[in-house]
Amino acid sequence: MLKRFSLLWTLVRGDARQLWFALRHPDAPGWLKLGALGIALYLLSPADLIPDVLPFIGVVDDLVLVPLAVRWLLQRLPPHIAQETLRRRG
């Protein structure tokens, strides 16, 4: 489980930082917080689209779906929040 999180973090580090900054922004919309919570629950949930017990294939759904979900949320940020978080992301 820890290995899965470290691999995901490596893949989406920049997007994850931007999402973190967006969540902490005073004008962060409620849907953003719910979406981030949904992603976290999916990662922590033992139920996956493809079970993790299958070698390699079991992790693929996490490696594909989680970055796509994070990117999807970030693309829907209000422009002023997106610009500020991109500036902070560096």
N, C-alpha and C. Protein backbone atom coordinates (compact mmCIF):
# COMPACT_ATOMS: atom_id res chain seq x y z
N MET A 1 0.83 -1.19 0.00
CA MET A 1 0.00 0.00 0.00
C MET A 1 0.88 1.26 0.00
N LEU A 2 1.91 1.27 0.83
CA LEU A 2 2.81 2.43 0.89
C LEU A 2 3.55 2.62 -0.43
N LYS A 3 3.92 1.51 -1.04
CA LYS A 3 4.61 1.58 -2.33
C LYS A 3 3.70 2.22 -3.39
N ARG A 4 2.42 1.91 -3.34
CA ARG A 4 1.46 2.48 -4.28
C ARG A 4 1.38 3.99 -4.11
N PHE A 5 1.33 4.45 -2.85
CA PHE A 5 1.26 5.89 -2.60
C PHE A 5 2.53 6.60 -3.05
N SER A 6 3.69 6.00 -2.81
CA SER A 6 4.94 6.66 -3.21
C SER A 6 5.06 6.74 -4.73
N LEU A 7 4.61 5.72 -5.42
CA LEU A 7 4.63 5.75 -6.88
C LEU A 7 3.66 6.78 -7.42
N LEU A 8 2.48 6.83 -6.86
CA LEU A 8 1.50 7.84 -7.28
C LEU A 8 2.02 9.24 -7.02
N TRP A 9 2.64 9.44 -5.87
CA TRP A 9 3.15 10.76 -5.52
C TRP A 9 4.22 11.20 -6.52
N THR A 10 5.07 10.29 -6.92
CA THR A 10 6.10 10.62 -7.90
C THR A 10 5.49 11.04 -9.23
N LEU A 11 4.43 10.35 -9.64
CA LEU A 11 3.80 10.64 -10.92
C LEU A 11 3.03 11.96 -10.94
N VAL A 12 2.40 12.29 -9.84
CA VAL A 12 1.51 13.47 -9.84
C VAL A 12 1.95 14.54 -8.84
N ARG A 13 3.22 14.58 -8.55
CA ARG A 13 3.72 15.51 -7.55
C ARG A 13 3.31 16.96 -7.82
N GLY A 14 3.51 17.42 -9.04
CA GLY A 14 3.16 18.80 -9.37
C GLY A 14 1.67 19.05 -9.27
N ASP A 15 0.88 18.14 -9.83
CA ASP A 15 -0.57 18.29 -9.75
C ASP A 15 -1.07 18.17 -8.32
N ALA A 16 -0.47 17.30 -7.56
CA ALA A 16 -0.88 17.13 -6.16
C ALA A 16 -0.57 18.40 -5.36
N ARG A 17 0.55 19.01 -5.62
CA ARG A 17 0.88 20.27 -4.94
C ARG A 17 -0.10 21.36 -5.32
N GLN A 18 -0.42 21.43 -6.60
CA GLN A 18 -1.38 22.44 -7.05
C GLN A 18 -2.75 22.19 -6.41
N LEU A 19 -3.16 20.93 -6.33
CA LEU A 19 -4.44 20.60 -5.70
C LEU A 19 -4.40 20.99 -4.23
N TRP A 20 -3.30 20.73 -3.55
CA TRP A 20 -3.17 21.08 -2.14
C TRP A 20 -3.31 22.59 -1.95
N PHE A 21 -2.62 23.36 -2.78
CA PHE A 21 -2.73 24.82 -2.68
C PHE A 21 -4.16 25.29 -2.97
N ALA A 22 -4.81 24.65 -3.95
CA ALA A 22 -6.19 25.02 -4.28
C ALA A 22 -7.13 24.70 -3.13
N LEU A 23 -6.92 23.58 -2.48
CA LEU A 23 -7.78 23.21 -1.34
C LEU A 23 -7.62 24.18 -0.18
N ARG A 24 -6.43 24.73 -0.02
CA ARG A 24 -6.17 25.66 1.08
C ARG A 24 -6.54 27.11 0.74
N HIS A 25 -6.88 27.35 -0.51
CA HIS A 25 -7.25 28.71 -0.93
C HIS A 25 -8.57 29.10 -0.25
N PRO A 26 -8.68 30.33 0.22
CA PRO A 26 -9.91 30.76 0.91
C PRO A 26 -11.17 30.67 0.04
N ASP A 27 -11.02 30.78 -1.27
CA ASP A 27 -12.17 30.73 -2.16
C ASP A 27 -12.40 29.34 -2.77
N ALA A 28 -11.74 28.31 -2.21
CA ALA A 28 -11.87 26.96 -2.77
C ALA A 28 -13.33 26.52 -2.75
N PRO A 29 -13.85 26.09 -3.90
CA PRO A 29 -15.25 25.66 -3.96
C PRO A 29 -15.47 24.33 -3.23
N GLY A 30 -16.68 24.13 -2.78
CA GLY A 30 -17.01 22.90 -2.06
C GLY A 30 -16.85 21.65 -2.90
N TRP A 31 -17.15 21.75 -4.21
CA TRP A 31 -17.01 20.58 -5.08
C TRP A 31 -15.57 20.11 -5.17
N LEU A 32 -14.62 21.05 -5.03
CA LEU A 32 -13.21 20.69 -5.07
C LEU A 32 -12.85 19.85 -3.85
N LYS A 33 -13.34 20.26 -2.71
CA LYS A 33 -13.07 19.52 -1.48
C LYS A 33 -13.70 18.13 -1.52
N LEU A 34 -14.92 18.05 -2.04
CA LEU A 34 -15.58 16.74 -2.16
C LEU A 34 -14.85 15.84 -3.16
N GLY A 35 -14.40 16.42 -4.26
CA GLY A 35 -13.65 15.65 -5.24
C GLY A 35 -12.34 15.11 -4.69
N ALA A 36 -11.63 15.96 -3.95
CA ALA A 36 -10.36 15.53 -3.35
C ALA A 36 -10.62 14.44 -2.30
N LEU A 37 -11.69 14.59 -1.54
CA LEU A 37 -12.06 13.57 -0.57
C LEU A 37 -12.38 12.25 -1.27
N GLY A 38 -13.09 12.32 -2.39
CA GLY A 38 -13.41 11.12 -3.16
C GLY A 38 -12.16 10.42 -3.66
N ILE A 39 -11.19 11.19 -4.12
CA ILE A 39 -9.93 10.59 -4.59
C ILE A 39 -9.21 9.91 -3.43
N ALA A 40 -9.15 10.59 -2.29
CA ALA A 40 -8.48 10.01 -1.12
C ALA A 40 -9.17 8.72 -0.67
N LEU A 41 -10.50 8.74 -0.65
CA LEU A 41 -11.23 7.54 -0.26
C LEU A 41 -11.01 6.40 -1.24
N TYR A 42 -10.93 6.72 -2.52
CA TYR A 42 -10.66 5.69 -3.52
C TYR A 42 -9.28 5.06 -3.29
N LEU A 43 -8.29 5.90 -2.99
CA LEU A 43 -6.95 5.37 -2.75
C LEU A 43 -6.88 4.50 -1.50
N LEU A 44 -7.63 4.88 -0.48
CA LEU A 44 -7.60 4.13 0.78
C LEU A 44 -8.52 2.92 0.78
N SER A 45 -9.46 2.90 -0.12
CA SER A 45 -10.45 1.82 -0.17
C SER A 45 -9.82 0.52 -0.64
N PRO A 46 -10.20 -0.57 0.01
CA PRO A 46 -9.70 -1.87 -0.46
C PRO A 46 -10.40 -2.33 -1.75
N ALA A 47 -11.51 -1.70 -2.09
CA ALA A 47 -12.23 -2.06 -3.31
C ALA A 47 -11.69 -1.24 -4.49
N ASP A 48 -11.24 -1.91 -5.51
CA ASP A 48 -10.70 -1.28 -6.71
C ASP A 48 -11.42 -1.81 -7.93
N LEU A 49 -11.28 -1.10 -9.03
CA LEU A 49 -11.82 -1.62 -10.28
C LEU A 49 -11.12 -2.92 -10.67
N ILE A 50 -9.82 -2.93 -10.48
CA ILE A 50 -9.01 -4.13 -10.71
C ILE A 50 -8.31 -4.44 -9.39
N PRO A 51 -8.51 -5.63 -8.82
CA PRO A 51 -7.91 -5.94 -7.51
C PRO A 51 -6.38 -5.81 -7.53
N ASP A 52 -5.84 -5.28 -6.43
CA ASP A 52 -4.40 -5.07 -6.33
C ASP A 52 -3.62 -6.38 -6.20
N VAL A 53 -4.30 -7.48 -5.93
CA VAL A 53 -3.59 -8.75 -5.79
C VAL A 53 -3.08 -9.26 -7.13
N LEU A 54 -3.62 -8.76 -8.23
CA LEU A 54 -3.11 -9.14 -9.54
C LEU A 54 -1.81 -8.38 -9.79
N PRO A 55 -0.73 -9.09 -10.05
CA PRO A 55 0.56 -8.42 -10.24
C PRO A 55 0.49 -7.38 -11.35
N PHE A 56 1.03 -6.23 -11.10
CA PHE A 56 1.14 -5.09 -12.00
C PHE A 56 -0.22 -4.54 -12.44
N ILE A 57 -1.08 -5.38 -12.95
CA ILE A 57 -2.37 -4.92 -13.48
C ILE A 57 -3.22 -4.30 -12.38
N GLY A 58 -3.11 -4.81 -11.15
CA GLY A 58 -3.92 -4.31 -10.06
C GLY A 58 -3.62 -2.86 -9.68
N VAL A 59 -2.42 -2.41 -9.96
CA VAL A 59 -2.03 -1.04 -9.61
C VAL A 59 -2.32 -0.09 -10.77
N VAL A 60 -2.50 -0.63 -11.96
CA VAL A 60 -2.67 0.21 -13.14
C VAL A 60 -3.89 1.11 -13.02
N ASP A 61 -4.99 0.61 -12.46
CA ASP A 61 -6.17 1.46 -12.34
C ASP A 61 -5.88 2.68 -11.47
N ASP A 62 -5.11 2.50 -10.41
CA ASP A 62 -4.74 3.64 -9.56
C ASP A 62 -3.81 4.59 -10.29
N LEU A 63 -2.88 4.04 -11.04
CA LEU A 63 -1.91 4.87 -11.76
C LEU A 63 -2.54 5.66 -12.89
N VAL A 64 -3.68 5.22 -13.36
CA VAL A 64 -4.36 5.91 -14.45
C VAL A 64 -5.48 6.80 -13.92
N LEU A 65 -6.34 6.24 -13.09
CA LEU A 65 -7.53 6.96 -12.65
C LEU A 65 -7.23 8.13 -11.71
N VAL A 66 -6.32 7.93 -10.79
CA VAL A 66 -6.04 8.99 -9.81
C VAL A 66 -5.44 10.23 -10.47
N PRO A 67 -4.39 10.10 -11.29
CA PRO A 67 -3.88 11.30 -11.95
C PRO A 67 -4.91 11.96 -12.86
N LEU A 68 -5.72 11.15 -13.54
CA LEU A 68 -6.77 11.73 -14.39
C LEU A 68 -7.80 12.49 -13.56
N ALA A 69 -8.17 11.95 -12.42
CA ALA A 69 -9.15 12.61 -11.57
C ALA A 69 -8.59 13.92 -11.00
N VAL A 70 -7.34 13.90 -10.58
CA VAL A 70 -6.71 15.12 -10.05
C VAL A 70 -6.63 16.17 -11.15
N ARG A 71 -6.19 15.78 -12.33
CA ARG A 71 -6.10 16.73 -13.44
C ARG A 71 -7.47 17.27 -13.82
N TRP A 72 -8.49 16.43 -13.79
CA TRP A 72 -9.85 16.84 -14.11
C TRP A 72 -10.33 17.92 -13.14
N LEU A 73 -10.05 17.70 -11.84
CA LEU A 73 -10.44 18.70 -10.84
C LEU A 73 -9.70 20.02 -11.08
N LEU A 74 -8.40 19.93 -11.36
CA LEU A 74 -7.61 21.14 -11.55
C LEU A 74 -8.05 21.93 -12.78
N GLN A 75 -8.50 21.25 -13.80
CA GLN A 75 -8.93 21.94 -15.01
C GLN A 75 -10.24 22.69 -14.79
N ARG A 76 -10.95 22.38 -13.74
CA ARG A 76 -12.23 23.03 -13.48
C ARG A 76 -12.15 24.10 -12.39
N LEU A 77 -10.94 24.41 -11.96
CA LEU A 77 -10.77 25.46 -10.95
C LEU A 77 -11.19 26.81 -11.52
N PRO A 78 -11.75 27.67 -10.69
CA PRO A 78 -11.99 29.04 -11.12
C PRO A 78 -10.65 29.67 -11.54
N PRO A 79 -10.64 30.50 -12.57
CA PRO A 79 -9.38 31.03 -13.12
C PRO A 79 -8.49 31.71 -12.08
N HIS A 80 -9.05 32.49 -11.17
CA HIS A 80 -8.19 33.19 -10.22
C HIS A 80 -7.52 32.21 -9.25
N ILE A 81 -8.17 31.14 -8.90
CA ILE A 81 -7.55 30.13 -8.04
C ILE A 81 -6.49 29.36 -8.82
N ALA A 82 -6.80 29.00 -10.06
CA ALA A 82 -5.85 28.25 -10.88
C ALA A 82 -4.55 29.05 -11.09
N GLN A 83 -4.67 30.33 -11.38
CA GLN A 83 -3.47 31.15 -11.60
C GLN A 83 -2.63 31.25 -10.33
N GLU A 84 -3.30 31.46 -9.21
CA GLU A 84 -2.56 31.59 -7.95
C GLU A 84 -1.87 30.28 -7.57
N THR A 85 -2.56 29.16 -7.76
CA THR A 85 -1.95 27.88 -7.39
C THR A 85 -0.81 27.50 -8.33
N LEU A 86 -0.93 27.86 -9.60
CA LEU A 86 0.18 27.61 -10.53
C LEU A 86 1.39 28.43 -10.16
N ARG A 87 1.16 29.66 -9.74
CA ARG A 87 2.27 30.53 -9.32
C ARG A 87 2.94 29.97 -8.07
N ARG A 88 2.16 29.48 -7.13
CA ARG A 88 2.72 28.91 -5.90
C ARG A 88 3.40 27.57 -6.14
N ARG A 89 2.87 26.82 -7.11
CA ARG A 89 3.42 25.50 -7.42
C ARG A 89 4.86 25.62 -7.91
N GLY A 90 5.13 26.72 -8.61
CA GLY A 90 6.48 27.01 -9.07
C GLY A 90 6.90 26.17 -10.16
